[in-house]
Amino acid sequence: MTGTPSPASLAPLVTFGVVGDYGSGGVDANNSTTSVVAMAAAGVATAMQQYVSPAIPSNFVVSVGDQVYCPWSQGDENEPATSTDYINAVGKLYGGFLCYPSVSYDVEQLALSPNPYTPPGVTPSETMRLFPAIGDHDWWKQKYRKTVTAPSPSLTESKTQEEYLMEGNDNYQMNFAGLEQPLSPVDKDGPCIRYYSVSQGTVPAADTPLVQLFALSNDKNEVLLGTLSTTASSSGNLDAPQIMWFQNALKASTAVWNIVFMHQPPYSSSQDHGPTAYFQLVDQVAAKAGQTVDLVLAGHVHSYERLQMVGGRTDPTTYIVNGAGGTLESFAPFYDTPAPSPQSMGVMPGSQIRATGFYGFQCALVTEQTLTLAFYGSQDPGNAEKKAGGAVWSVIDTVMIVKAGTVLNTDQLTGLTGLVIQGTMDNGVTSGLTIDTGGQDATVPVNICGPGSLTVTGGGTLTITAASVPGGVPTGHGASVFYETTQTGPSGPVSVTGQTTLVLYGTAYAPAAGVPEPAA
């Protein structure tokens, strides 16, 4: 007996899905309804709801933007949408997670009852269970807009451009009226329907949230609306109204897990879009707020990427880009050479997994001590090719984030491709994760990082190797998966106790001679 606490329970208190860039409305760019592309978004939605159901309490969906692309057939991405377009793109797929209150944002008009964006044949949720971030295509589908002359990002010249507005009974606000947020901040540093915060789930035996969600809006249109200051740099936005609201809301959070989501990714290795350099500020805001942001989710890039340690080996935040929910646009390829800097095009520092050629979603399982996210990918989620066995899905990435002080056994590491160890420091001692081997020898392929410590106990030998692409994941036909194989482990102290040996990416940590097994 070593006196090691029992391993943490992985029974989820909350589950949620993550999906983005799915707003095709059931058509492809040629207006076909039967192609792989046209059927992808519905296939993703159907598969995700096998894991995340609005009928189960504390289940919800994070939607990372571009909820609607249609109408598309006109060949004009800026053509305003209609309520029917929103019903086809959002309501028919995820209407069971939304509520559609009778509402009017036009002060001269009575509330529209029923809400014209309510999808027929779908039973809406009694409460809002889908939380969107607004994307560039969502802006472009607004009806109300005006032409303005605004400074270019360099601030050296002006240019004419469209300013998309959030006013009246327009598309986005009517479809997402269940958020019950104002169209614009009531106070300068207040929330609105584009950036807001909600809590989900509670800690058992405590009156505190399990998850705090922070939706942010980082399209350049926010500069025209005055909630962001510039598209030239992150530092120039730290005092912007939206970011000051975010800082204050984050500082007030008492949740176990702080999750931030937006549309454009702060960091991306994509050849199509690359990083949103003027929004690489979450770590700075978290430091000012005295909080940890555990996870940052984004879309925009029509592929999947997970990044760790973007701010260095002690950075606790996991960044995931997942814009693969069923776009009618093409998949995004990735660079294969390093970016000169995190603000430049190329492979981002800390990019751990990159997958393209797959449509998909994530399912998250949340406990007090762990947050586990799995990305499920398919090349034909709607089974347009009518294969006898139905759509083929693969788990491409499964990452677990653990809070300091967590104990796991080796069986609980099975199937993980990433393990992020958070840490705290008390009197100069860094805490983190303890793995109890139970006296067994085991080999675990998993990529470990994070600022916390790693302690292995229980006896036997634990060998940890770099993760590789899971077996059965298809490649070819434009699909590829990259795993970073060079691993160094967590930045915190690594140690073993008792008669235990750890081999971590080729480095052996053996018990000191003559050190007795700790007493129970």
Foldseek 3Di string as FASTA:
>chain_A
DQPADDFDDQFFQAKEWEAEQQAALQAFLQRDNLDLLSLQLLLQLVVVCVQFPLVDALYAYEYFENQHQPPRNVVDSLAADDLSSNCSRDVVRPQQQADQPFAWLDPVDDGDPPLSNHHPPHDHHPAHRYQYAYDPSNQSNWPDKDWDWDADQVSPHIDIDIQRAQGTPIDPCNNRVRVVFASDAPDLQHDGSNWDKDFTPDAPPDPAGAEIEIEHEDDPSVCVVQQAPHQNAQVRGCPGSPNSSVLVVQLPHPHLAYEYHHAAAQADQWPPRGHSHNNPCPVVSCVVSVHAHQEYEYENQQWKWKFPQLVHQARRHIYIYHNQSRHSDAHTDGADADAPHRVGHHDGPRTFKTKIQWRWMWMWGGDSFKIKIWIKTFNRSSPSVVDVVHTDIDGFAIEMEGEFPGEEEPVVLPPHAEYEWEWDADPRAITTYEYADLQDEEEHAYAAGHAGEYEYEHHDEYEYAHDDGDPPDDDDPTIDMDGDRDHDHYPHHYAYAAQYWYQYHNDIHGDDPPHHSNDD
